[in-house]
PDB file of N, CA and C in Angstrom:
ATOM      1  N   MET A   1      -8.374 101.455 -59.804  1.00  0.00           N
ATOM      2  CA  MET A   1      -9.567 100.289 -60.050  1.00  0.00           C
ATOM      3  C   MET A   1      -9.631  99.151 -58.813  1.00  0.00           C
ATOM      4  N   ALA A   2     -10.791  99.104 -57.879  1.00  0.00           N
ATOM      5  CA  ALA A   2     -11.522  98.409 -57.081  1.00  0.00           C
ATOM      6  C   ALA A   2     -10.883  97.299 -57.403  1.00  0.00           C
ATOM      7  N   GLU A   3     -10.508  97.095 -55.620  1.00  0.00           N
ATOM      8  CA  GLU A   3      -9.723  95.104 -55.440  1.00  0.00           C
ATOM      9  C   GLU A   3     -11.027  94.042 -55.907  1.00  0.00           C
ATOM     10  N   PHE A   4     -11.219  93.141 -56.125  1.00  0.00           N
ATOM     11  CA  PHE A   4     -11.910  92.530 -56.055  1.00  0.00           C
ATOM     12  C   PHE A   4     -12.152  91.381 -55.975  1.00  0.00           C
ATOM     13  N   LYS A   5     -12.161  90.114 -56.076  1.00  0.00           N
ATOM     14  CA  LYS A   5     -12.251  88.896 -56.332  1.00  0.00           C
ATOM     15  C   LYS A   5     -12.475  88.212 -57.882  1.00  0.00           C
ATOM     16  N   LEU A   6     -11.371  87.705 -58.813  1.00  0.00           N
ATOM     17  CA  LEU A   6     -11.662  87.324 -59.765  1.00  0.00           C
ATOM     18  C   LEU A   6     -13.012  85.716 -59.698  1.00  0.00           C
ATOM     19  N   ARG A   7     -13.255  86.051 -60.841  1.00  0.00           N
ATOM     20  CA  ARG A   7     -13.878  84.987 -61.836  1.00  0.00           C
ATOM     21  C   ARG A   7     -12.451  83.953 -61.138  1.00  0.00           C
ATOM     22  N   PRO A   8     -13.453  82.890 -61.303  1.00  0.00           N
ATOM     23  CA  PRO A   8     -12.366  82.103 -61.929  1.00  0.00           C
ATOM     24  C   PRO A   8     -11.741  81.187 -63.006  1.00  0.00           C
ATOM     25  N   GLU A   9     -12.583  81.212 -64.165  1.00  0.00           N
ATOM     26  CA  GLU A   9     -12.078  81.376 -65.565  1.00  0.00           C
ATOM     27  C   GLU A   9     -10.533  82.614 -65.979  1.00  0.00           C
ATOM     28  N   VAL A  10     -11.203  84.278 -65.379  1.00  0.00           N
ATOM     29  CA  VAL A  10     -10.253  84.815 -65.514  1.00  0.00           C
ATOM     30  C   VAL A  10      -8.931  84.775 -65.274  1.00  0.00           C
ATOM     31  N   ALA A  11      -9.394  84.263 -63.936  1.00  0.00           N
ATOM     32  CA  ALA A  11      -7.500  84.215 -63.208  1.00  0.00           C
ATOM     33  C   ALA A  11      -7.648  82.948 -63.551  1.00  0.00           C
ATOM     34  N   MET A  12      -8.154  82.078 -63.656  1.00  0.00           N
ATOM     35  CA  MET A  12      -6.705  80.807 -64.571  1.00  0.00           C
ATOM     36  C   MET A  12      -6.585  81.400 -65.851  1.00  0.00           C
ATOM     37  N   PHE A  13      -6.633  82.486 -66.667  1.00  0.00           N
ATOM     38  CA  PHE A  13      -6.196  82.579 -68.404  1.00  0.00           C
ATOM     39  C   PHE A  13      -5.025  83.695 -67.764  1.00  0.00           C
ATOM     40  N   ALA A  14      -5.704  84.465 -66.151  1.00  0.00           N
ATOM     41  CA  ALA A  14      -4.000  85.210 -66.199  1.00  0.00           C
ATOM     42  C   ALA A  14      -3.143  84.338 -65.531  1.00  0.00           C
ATOM     43  N   ALA A  15      -3.157  83.360 -64.933  1.00  0.00           N
ATOM     44  CA  ALA A  15      -2.541  82.906 -64.530  1.00  0.00           C
ATOM     45  C   ALA A  15      -1.376  81.458 -65.518  1.00  0.00           C
ATOM     46  N   LEU A  16      -2.042  81.274 -66.618  1.00  0.00           N
ATOM     47  CA  LEU A  16      -1.816  80.971 -68.211  1.00  0.00           C
ATOM     48  C   LEU A  16      -1.061  81.953 -69.100  1.00  0.00           C
ATOM     49  N   MET A  17      -1.727  83.540 -68.708  1.00  0.00           N
ATOM     50  CA  MET A  17      -0.589  83.717 -69.416  1.00  0.00           C
ATOM     51  C   MET A  17       0.293  84.240 -69.267  1.00  0.00           C
ATOM     52  N   GLU A  18       0.795  84.570 -68.174  1.00  0.00           N
ATOM     53  CA  GLU A  18       1.799  85.232 -66.475  1.00  0.00           C
ATOM     54  C   GLU A  18       2.883  84.129 -67.117  1.00  0.00           C
ATOM     55  N   ALA A  19       2.457  83.063 -67.523  1.00  0.00           N
ATOM     56  CA  ALA A  19       3.071  81.299 -67.621  1.00  0.00           C
ATOM     57  C   ALA A  19       3.503  81.370 -68.692  1.00  0.00           C
ATOM     58  N   ARG A  20       2.620  82.022 -70.247  1.00  0.00           N
ATOM     59  CA  ARG A  20       3.929  81.508 -70.888  1.00  0.00           C
ATOM     60  C   ARG A  20       3.812  82.846 -71.577  1.00  0.00           C
ATOM     61  N   LEU A  21       4.580  84.486 -70.906  1.00  0.00           N
ATOM     62  CA  LEU A  21       5.367  85.519 -70.853  1.00  0.00           C
ATOM     63  C   LEU A  21       6.959  84.998 -69.704  1.00  0.00           C
ATOM     64  N   ARG A  22       6.806  84.006 -69.221  1.00  0.00           N
ATOM     65  CA  ARG A  22       7.829  83.343 -68.461  1.00  0.00           C
ATOM     66  C   ARG A  22       8.414  82.626 -69.519  1.00  0.00           C
ATOM     67  N   GLU A  23       7.824  81.745 -69.819  1.00  0.00           N
ATOM     68  CA  GLU A  23       8.209  80.583 -71.254  1.00  0.00           C
ATOM     69  C   GLU A  23       9.361  81.494 -71.704  1.00  0.00           C
ATOM     70  N   LYS A  24       8.139  82.433 -72.874  1.00  0.00           N
ATOM     71  CA  LYS A  24       9.411  83.362 -73.490  1.00  0.00           C
ATOM     72  C   LYS A  24      10.479  83.707 -73.033  1.00  0.00           C
ATOM     73  N   ASP A  25      10.344  83.927 -71.998  1.00  0.00           N
ATOM     74  CA  ASP A  25      11.398  85.677 -71.683  1.00  0.00           C
ATOM     75  C   ASP A  25      12.890  84.551 -71.229  1.00  0.00           C
ATOM     76  N   PRO A  26      13.333  84.836 -73.054  1.00  0.00           N
ATOM     77  CA  PRO A  26      15.221  84.154 -72.317  1.00  0.00           C
ATOM     78  C   PRO A  26      15.545  85.209 -71.230  1.00  0.00           C
ATOM     79  N   LEU A  27      15.137  86.019 -70.556  1.00  0.00           N
ATOM     80  CA  LEU A  27      15.878  86.414 -69.488  1.00  0.00           C
ATOM     81  C   LEU A  27      15.728  85.216 -67.991  1.00  0.00           C
ATOM     82  N   VAL A  28      15.028  84.489 -68.837  1.00  0.00           N
ATOM     83  CA  VAL A  28      14.814  83.520 -67.470  1.00  0.00           C
ATOM     84  C   VAL A  28      15.540  82.418 -67.853  1.00  0.00           C
ATOM     85  N   ALA A  29      15.843  82.444 -69.180  1.00  0.00           N
ATOM     86  CA  ALA A  29      16.726  81.484 -69.413  1.00  0.00           C
ATOM     87  C   ALA A  29      18.234  81.723 -69.406  1.00  0.00           C
ATOM     88  N   ASP A  30      17.978  82.740 -69.284  1.00  0.00           N
ATOM     89  CA  ASP A  30      19.995  84.015 -69.942  1.00  0.00           C
ATOM     90  C   ASP A  30      19.691  84.503 -68.864  1.00  0.00           C
ATOM     91  N   PRO A  31      19.959  85.868 -67.995  1.00  0.00           N
ATOM     92  CA  PRO A  31      20.092  86.663 -67.428  1.00  0.00           C
ATOM     93  C   PRO A  31      20.552  87.512 -68.008  1.00  0.00           C
ATOM     94  N   ASP A  32      21.773  87.419 -68.239  1.00  0.00           N
ATOM     95  CA  ASP A  32      22.801  88.052 -69.193  1.00  0.00           C
ATOM     96  C   ASP A  32      22.004  88.273 -71.011  1.00  0.00           C
ATOM     97  N   ASN A  33      21.458  88.184 -71.034  1.00  0.00           N
ATOM     98  CA  ASN A  33      20.533  88.132 -72.399  1.00  0.00           C
ATOM     99  C   ASN A  33      21.029  89.559 -72.934  1.00  0.00           C
ATOM    100  N   GLU A  34      21.435  90.456 -73.606  1.00  0.00           N
ATOM    101  CA  GLU A  34      21.746  91.643 -73.677  1.00  0.00           C
ATOM    102  C   GLU A  34      20.777  92.169 -75.238  1.00  0.00           C
ATOM    103  N   GLU A  35      20.182  91.088 -75.749  1.00  0.00           N
ATOM    104  CA  GLU A  35      18.904  90.924 -77.025  1.00  0.00           C
ATOM    105  C   GLU A  35      18.512  91.805 -76.118  1.00  0.00           C
ATOM    106  N   TRP A  36      17.858  90.981 -75.842  1.00  0.00           N
ATOM    107  CA  TRP A  36      16.434  90.561 -74.540  1.00  0.00           C
ATOM    108  C   TRP A  36      15.890  92.623 -74.984  1.00  0.00           C
ATOM    109  N   ILE A  37      14.999  92.473 -75.897  1.00  0.00           N
ATOM    110  CA  ILE A  37      13.911  93.658 -75.035  1.00  0.00           C
ATOM    111  C   ILE A  37      12.783  93.613 -74.888  1.00  0.00           C
ATOM    112  N   HIS A  38      11.997  95.359 -73.825  1.00  0.00           N
ATOM    113  CA  HIS A  38      10.784  94.890 -72.956  1.00  0.00           C
ATOM    114  C   HIS A  38      10.123  95.355 -74.691  1.00  0.00           C
ATOM    115  N   TRP A  39       8.756  94.669 -73.615  1.00  0.00           N
ATOM    116  CA  TRP A  39       7.682  95.065 -74.410  1.00  0.00           C
ATOM    117  C   TRP A  39       7.838  96.685 -75.119  1.00  0.00           C
ATOM    118  N   ARG A  40       7.447  97.545 -74.291  1.00  0.00           N
ATOM    119  CA  ARG A  40       7.218  98.888 -73.382  1.00  0.00           C
ATOM    120  C   ARG A  40       8.496  99.412 -75.054  1.00  0.00           C
ATOM    121  N   GLU A  41       9.483  98.586 -74.892  1.00  0.00           N
ATOM    122  CA  GLU A  41      10.487  99.372 -76.289  1.00  0.00           C
ATOM    123  C   GLU A  41      10.451  98.752 -77.540  1.00  0.00           C
ATOM    124  N   CYS A  42       8.828  97.373 -77.440  1.00  0.00           N
ATOM    125  CA  CYS A  42       9.162  97.228 -78.963  1.00  0.00           C
ATOM    126  C   CYS A  42       8.405  98.301 -80.093  1.00  0.00           C
ATOM    127  N   ASP A  43       8.441  98.332 -81.327  1.00  0.00           N
ATOM    128  CA  ASP A  43       8.192  99.018 -82.028  1.00  0.00           C
ATOM    129  C   ASP A  43       6.538  98.274 -82.505  1.00  0.00           C
ATOM    130  N   TRP A  44       5.450  99.423 -82.147  1.00  0.00           N
ATOM    131  CA  TRP A  44       3.920  98.650 -82.173  1.00  0.00           C
ATOM    132  C   TRP A  44       3.719  98.045 -83.105  1.00  0.00           C
ATOM    133  N   GLN A  45       4.196  97.876 -84.476  1.00  0.00           N
ATOM    134  CA  GLN A  45       3.889  97.846 -86.179  1.00  0.00           C
ATOM    135  C   GLN A  45       3.888  96.330 -85.733  1.00  0.00           C
ATOM    136  N   PHE A  46       5.525  95.812 -84.799  1.00  0.00           N
ATOM    137  CA  PHE A  46       5.491  95.019 -84.471  1.00  0.00           C
ATOM    138  C   PHE A  46       5.050  93.964 -83.757  1.00  0.00           C
ATOM    139  N   LEU A  47       3.944  94.689 -82.842  1.00  0.00           N
ATOM    140  CA  LEU A  47       3.373  93.671 -81.392  1.00  0.00           C
ATOM    141  C   LEU A  47       2.299  93.620 -82.597  1.00  0.00           C
ATOM    142  N   LEU A  48       1.400  94.728 -82.925  1.00  0.00           N
ATOM    143  CA  LEU A  48       0.214  94.841 -83.588  1.00  0.00           C
ATOM    144  C   LEU A  48      -0.106  93.797 -85.080  1.00  0.00           C
ATOM    145  N   ASP A  49       0.906  93.327 -85.620  1.00  0.00           N
ATOM    146  CA  ASP A  49       1.575  92.283 -85.818  1.00  0.00           C
ATOM    147  C   ASP A  49       1.174  91.364 -86.079  1.00  0.00           C
ATOM    148  N   GLN A  50       2.002  90.566 -84.390  1.00  0.00           N
ATOM    149  CA  GLN A  50       1.768  89.388 -83.423  1.00  0.00           C
ATOM    150  C   GLN A  50       0.394  89.056 -82.733  1.00  0.00           C
ATOM    151  N   LEU A  51      -0.308  90.707 -82.605  1.00  0.00           N
ATOM    152  CA  LEU A  51      -1.359  90.197 -82.333  1.00  0.00           C
ATOM    153  C   LEU A  51      -2.510  89.534 -83.547  1.00  0.00           C
ATOM    154  N   GLN A  52      -2.483  89.954 -84.592  1.00  0.00           N
ATOM    155  CA  GLN A  52      -2.641  90.272 -86.301  1.00  0.00           C
ATOM    156  C   GLN A  52      -2.710  88.381 -86.667  1.00  0.00           C
ATOM    157  N   TRP A  53      -1.475  87.949 -85.897  1.00  0.00           N
ATOM    158  CA  TRP A  53      -1.012  86.610 -86.498  1.00  0.00           C
ATOM    159  C   TRP A  53      -1.640  86.098 -85.534  1.00  0.00           C
ATOM    160  N   LYS A  54      -1.208  86.175 -84.084  1.00  0.00           N
ATOM    161  CA  LYS A  54      -2.821  85.684 -83.242  1.00  0.00           C
ATOM    162  C   LYS A  54      -3.522  84.977 -83.075  1.00  0.00           C
ATOM    163  N   VAL A  55      -4.893  85.853 -83.588  1.00  0.00           N
ATOM    164  CA  VAL A  55      -6.332  85.933 -83.555  1.00  0.00           C
ATOM    165  C   VAL A  55      -6.649  85.956 -84.877  1.00  0.00           C
ATOM    166  N   GLY A  56      -5.757  85.303 -86.441  1.00  0.00           N
ATOM    167  CA  GLY A  56      -5.754  83.988 -87.091  1.00  0.00           C
ATOM    168  C   GLY A  56      -5.901  82.197 -86.911  1.00  0.00           C
ATOM    169  N   LEU A  57      -4.331  82.296 -86.265  1.00  0.00           N
ATOM    170  CA  LEU A  57      -4.536  81.446 -85.379  1.00  0.00           C
ATOM    171  C   LEU A  57      -5.398  80.065 -84.263  1.00  0.00           C
ATOM    172  N   ILE A  58      -6.081  81.947 -83.845  1.00  0.00           N
ATOM    173  CA  ILE A  58      -6.860  81.587 -82.937  1.00  0.00           C
ATOM    174  C   ILE A  58      -8.093  80.967 -83.829  1.00  0.00           C
ATOM    175  N   ASP A  59      -8.345  81.788 -84.917  1.00  0.00           N
ATOM    176  CA  ASP A  59      -9.701  80.573 -86.055  1.00  0.00           C
ATOM    177  C   ASP A  59      -9.089  79.610 -86.391  1.00  0.00           C
ATOM    178  N   HIS A  60      -8.329  79.571 -87.002  1.00  0.00           N
ATOM    179  CA  HIS A  60      -7.421  77.781 -87.893  1.00  0.00           C
ATOM    180  C   HIS A  60      -7.800  77.322 -86.635  1.00  0.00           C
ATOM    181  N   HIS A  61      -7.144  77.794 -84.996  1.00  0.00           N
ATOM    182  CA  HIS A  61      -7.371  76.271 -84.519  1.00  0.00           C
ATOM    183  C   HIS A  61      -8.953  76.115 -83.666  1.00  0.00           C
ATOM    184  N   ALA A  62      -9.781  77.124 -83.626  1.00  0.00           N
ATOM    185  CA  ALA A  62     -11.444  77.187 -83.811  1.00  0.00           C
ATOM    186  C   ALA A  62     -11.638  75.925 -84.700  1.00  0.00           C
ATOM    187  N   GLU A  63     -11.141  76.669 -85.853  1.00  0.00           N
ATOM    188  CA  GLU A  63     -11.921  75.525 -86.656  1.00  0.00           C
ATOM    189  C   GLU A  63     -11.888  74.030 -86.866  1.00  0.00           C
ATOM    190  N   GLY A  64     -10.317  73.217 -86.082  1.00  0.00           N
ATOM    191  CA  GLY A  64     -10.233  72.315 -86.487  1.00  0.00           C
ATOM    192  C   GLY A  64     -10.669  71.154 -84.516  1.00  0.00           C
ATOM    193  N   ASP A  65     -10.005  69.962 -85.010  1.00  0.00           N
ATOM    194  CA  ASP A  65     -10.476  68.917 -83.919  1.00  0.00           C
ATOM    195  C   ASP A  65      -9.553  69.569 -82.331  1.00  0.00           C
ATOM    196  N   GLU A  66     -10.528  68.122 -81.729  1.00  0.00           N
ATOM    197  CA  GLU A  66      -9.264  67.629 -80.465  1.00  0.00           C
ATOM    198  C   GLU A  66      -7.933  67.989 -80.507  1.00  0.00           C
ATOM    199  N   SER A  67      -7.650  67.904 -81.635  1.00  0.00           N
ATOM    200  CA  SER A  67      -6.058  67.525 -80.711  1.00  0.00           C
ATOM    201  C   SER A  67      -5.711  68.550 -81.177  1.00  0.00           C
ATOM    202  N   GLU A  68      -5.791  69.783 -81.528  1.00  0.00           N
ATOM    203  CA  GLU A  68      -6.318  71.175 -82.233  1.00  0.00           C
ATOM    204  C   GLU A  68      -5.916  71.810 -81.113  1.00  0.00           C
ATOM    205  N   LYS A  69      -6.794  71.467 -79.536  1.00  0.00           N
ATOM    206  CA  LYS A  69      -7.088  72.797 -78.321  1.00  0.00           C
ATOM    207  C   LYS A  69      -6.665  72.533 -77.408  1.00  0.00           C
ATOM    208  N   ALA A  70      -5.456  72.341 -77.727  1.00  0.00           N
ATOM    209  CA  ALA A  70      -4.534  72.543 -76.456  1.00  0.00           C
ATOM    210  C   ALA A  70      -3.294  74.502 -77.309  1.00  0.00           C
ATOM    211  N   ASP A  71      -3.342  73.488 -78.453  1.00  0.00           N
ATOM    212  CA  ASP A  71      -2.811  74.990 -79.880  1.00  0.00           C
ATOM    213  C   ASP A  71      -4.286  75.948 -79.567  1.00  0.00           C
ATOM    214  N   LEU A  72      -4.682  75.918 -80.358  1.00  0.00           N
ATOM    215  CA  LEU A  72      -6.230  77.366 -79.711  1.00  0.00           C
ATOM    216  C   LEU A  72      -6.325  77.331 -78.222  1.00  0.00           C
ATOM    217  N   LEU A  73      -5.854  77.607 -77.510  1.00  0.00           N
ATOM    218  CA  LEU A  73      -5.706  77.878 -76.121  1.00  0.00           C
ATOM    219  C   LEU A  73      -4.647  77.822 -75.512  1.00  0.00           C
ATOM    220  N   LYS A  74      -3.158  77.973 -76.249  1.00  0.00           N
ATOM    221  CA  LYS A  74      -2.214  78.265 -76.958  1.00  0.00           C
ATOM    222  C   LYS A  74      -2.016  80.045 -77.160  1.00  0.00           C
ATOM    223  N   SER A  75      -2.851  79.870 -78.865  1.00  0.00           N
ATOM    224  CA  SER A  75      -2.456  81.009 -79.264  1.00  0.00           C
ATOM    225  C   SER A  75      -3.854  82.630 -78.820  1.00  0.00           C
ATOM    226  N   CYS A  76      -4.870  82.203 -77.429  1.00  0.00           N
ATOM    227  CA  CYS A  76      -5.302  82.871 -76.925  1.00  0.00           C
ATOM    228  C   CYS A  76      -5.174  83.020 -76.689  1.00  0.00           C
ATOM    229  N   VAL A  77      -4.258  82.737 -75.600  1.00  0.00           N
ATOM    230  CA  VAL A  77      -2.967  83.019 -74.577  1.00  0.00           C
ATOM    231  C   VAL A  77      -2.179  84.019 -74.528  1.00  0.00           C
ATOM    232  N   ASP A  78      -1.645  83.488 -75.919  1.00  0.00           N
ATOM    233  CA  ASP A  78      -0.699  84.875 -77.175  1.00  0.00           C
ATOM    234  C   ASP A  78      -1.142  86.246 -77.620  1.00  0.00           C
ATOM    235  N   ALA A  79      -1.890  85.679 -77.670  1.00  0.00           N
ATOM    236  CA  ALA A  79      -3.262  86.923 -78.233  1.00  0.00           C
ATOM    237  C   ALA A  79      -3.356  87.937 -77.412  1.00  0.00           C
ATOM    238  N   ALA A  80      -3.335  87.268 -76.223  1.00  0.00           N
ATOM    239  CA  ALA A  80      -4.105  87.390 -74.910  1.00  0.00           C
ATOM    240  C   ALA A  80      -3.351  89.145 -74.316  1.00  0.00           C
ATOM    241  N   ASN A  81      -1.944  88.052 -74.065  1.00  0.00           N
ATOM    242  CA  ASN A  81      -0.269  88.743 -73.690  1.00  0.00           C
ATOM    243  C   ASN A  81      -0.014  89.883 -74.122  1.00  0.00           C
ATOM    244  N   PHE A  82      -0.538  89.734 -76.346  1.00  0.00           N
ATOM    245  CA  PHE A  82      -0.747  91.137 -77.495  1.00  0.00           C
ATOM    246  C   PHE A  82      -0.821  91.986 -76.737  1.00  0.00           C
ATOM    247  N   ALA A  83      -2.140  91.984 -76.467  1.00  0.00           N
ATOM    248  CA  ALA A  83      -3.050  92.621 -76.910  1.00  0.00           C
ATOM    249  C   ALA A  83      -2.765  93.793 -74.970  1.00  0.00           C
ATOM    250  N   MET A  84      -1.878  93.239 -73.919  1.00  0.00           N
ATOM    251  CA  MET A  84      -1.906  93.738 -72.577  1.00  0.00           C
ATOM    252  C   MET A  84       0.013  94.600 -72.696  1.00  0.00           C
ATOM    253  N   MET A  85       0.212  93.641 -73.797  1.00  0.00           N
ATOM    254  CA  MET A  85       1.600  94.054 -73.566  1.00  0.00           C
ATOM    255  C   MET A  85       0.985  95.605 -75.526  1.00  0.00           C
ATOM    256  N   MET A  86       0.773  95.367 -75.354  1.00  0.00           N
ATOM    257  CA  MET A  86      -0.562  96.439 -76.324  1.00  0.00           C
ATOM    258  C   MET A  86      -0.834  97.915 -75.469  1.00  0.00           C
ATOM    259  N   ALA A  87      -1.075  97.574 -74.426  1.00  0.00           N
ATOM    260  CA  ALA A  87      -1.549  98.945 -74.214  1.00  0.00           C
ATOM    261  C   ALA A  87      -1.198  99.149 -73.367  1.00  0.00           C
ATOM    262  N   ASP A  88       0.032  98.039 -72.043  1.00  0.00           N
ATOM    263  CA  ASP A  88       1.394  99.460 -71.889  1.00  0.00           C
ATOM    264  C   ASP A  88       1.845  99.926 -72.387  1.00  0.00           C
ATOM    265  N   HIS A  89       2.317  98.763 -73.778  1.00  0.00           N
ATOM    266  CA  HIS A  89       3.678  99.873 -74.045  1.00  0.00           C
ATOM    267  C   HIS A  89       3.033 101.576 -74.402  1.00  0.00           C
ATOM    268  N   ARG A  90       1.542 101.915 -74.276  1.00  0.00           N
ATOM    269  CA  ARG A  90       0.870 102.915 -74.803  1.00  0.00           C
ATOM    270  C   ARG A  90       0.100 103.322 -73.558  1.00  0.00           C
ATOM    271  N   GLY A  91       0.610 102.678 -72.806  1.00  0.00           N
ATOM    272  CA  GLY A  91       0.262 103.677 -71.035  1.00  0.00           C
ATOM    273  C   GLY A  91      -0.823 103.711 -70.350  1.00  0.00           C
ATOM    274  N   VAL A  92      -1.295 102.570 -71.181  1.00  0.00           N
ATOM    275  CA  VAL A  92      -3.040 102.571 -70.373  1.00  0.00           C
ATOM    276  C   VAL A  92      -2.788 101.702 -68.854  1.00  0.00           C
ATOM    277  N   LEU A  93      -2.087 101.071 -69.450  1.00  0.00           N
ATOM    278  CA  LEU A  93      -1.904 100.056 -67.665  1.00  0.00           C
ATOM    279  C   LEU A  93      -1.551 100.645 -66.420  1.00  0.00           C
ATOM    280  N   MET A  94      -2.055 101.462 -65.617  1.00  0.00           N
ATOM    281  CA  MET A  94      -1.274 101.221 -64.920  1.00  0.00           C
ATOM    282  C   MET A  94      -1.086 101.017 -63.932  1.00  0.00           C
ATOM    283  N   ARG A  95       0.434 101.037 -62.750  1.00  0.00           N
ATOM    284  CA  ARG A  95       1.432  99.702 -61.859  1.00  0.00           C
ATOM    285  C   ARG A  95       1.044 100.802 -60.958  1.00  0.00           C
ATOM    286  N   LYS A  96       1.026 100.107 -60.191  1.00  0.00           N
ATOM    287  CA  LYS A  96       0.696 100.616 -58.107  1.00  0.00           C
ATOM    288  C   LYS A  96       1.270 101.573 -58.121  1.00  0.00           C
ATOM    289  N   GLU A  97       3.356 101.579 -58.348  1.00  0.00           N
ATOM    290  CA  GLU A  97       3.650 102.483 -57.864  1.00  0.00           C
ATOM    291  C   GLU A  97       3.530 103.513 -59.011  1.00  0.00           C
ATOM    292  N   GLU A  98       2.681 103.168 -60.025  1.00  0.00           N
ATOM    293  CA  GLU A  98       3.117 104.979 -60.587  1.00  0.00           C
ATOM    294  C   GLU A  98       2.309 105.553 -60.424  1.00  0.00           C
ATOM    295  N   LYS A  99       0.689 104.642 -59.995  1.00  0.00           N
ATOM    296  CA  LYS A  99      -0.087 104.567 -59.553  1.00  0.00           C
ATOM    297  C   LYS A  99       0.494 106.444 -57.618  1.00  0.00           C
ATOM    298  N   ALA A 100       0.781 105.484 -57.112  1.00  0.00           N
ATOM    299  CA  ALA A 100       1.453 105.551 -56.074  1.00  0.00           C
ATOM    300  C   ALA A 100       1.735 106.916 -56.107  1.00  0.00           C
ATOM    301  N   SER A 101       3.073 107.229 -56.130  1.00  0.00           N
ATOM    302  CA  SER A 101       3.864 107.963 -57.544  1.00  0.00           C
ATOM    303  C   SER A 101       2.827 109.121 -58.061  1.00  0.00           C
ATOM    304  N   GLY A 102       2.196 109.179 -58.945  1.00  0.00           N
ATOM    305  CA  GLY A 102       1.434 110.421 -59.533  1.00  0.00           C
ATOM    306  C   GLY A 102       0.090 110.780 -59.015  1.00  0.00           C
TER     307      GLY A 102
END
């Protein structure tokens, strides 16, 4: 994939996605958590159900007033994270170290 500068909106959204992943990551709070599993090891249907639920929340919050804007953004970020997890789960995201070795 070619290197290029991210649009400001994309860079901001990607930063929000990473912040949300870190916020929800139990290993950040407890590095010895043995019950935590990576999304690549999650059940596909679980990831799909979570994505669909988050999309429903987006629709709900989009119809709300000003007070729901923060919830709308959080649901958009969560949905994007679940979509990313699903792409990674199926192996369609290549990490740099995988490109170099294969």
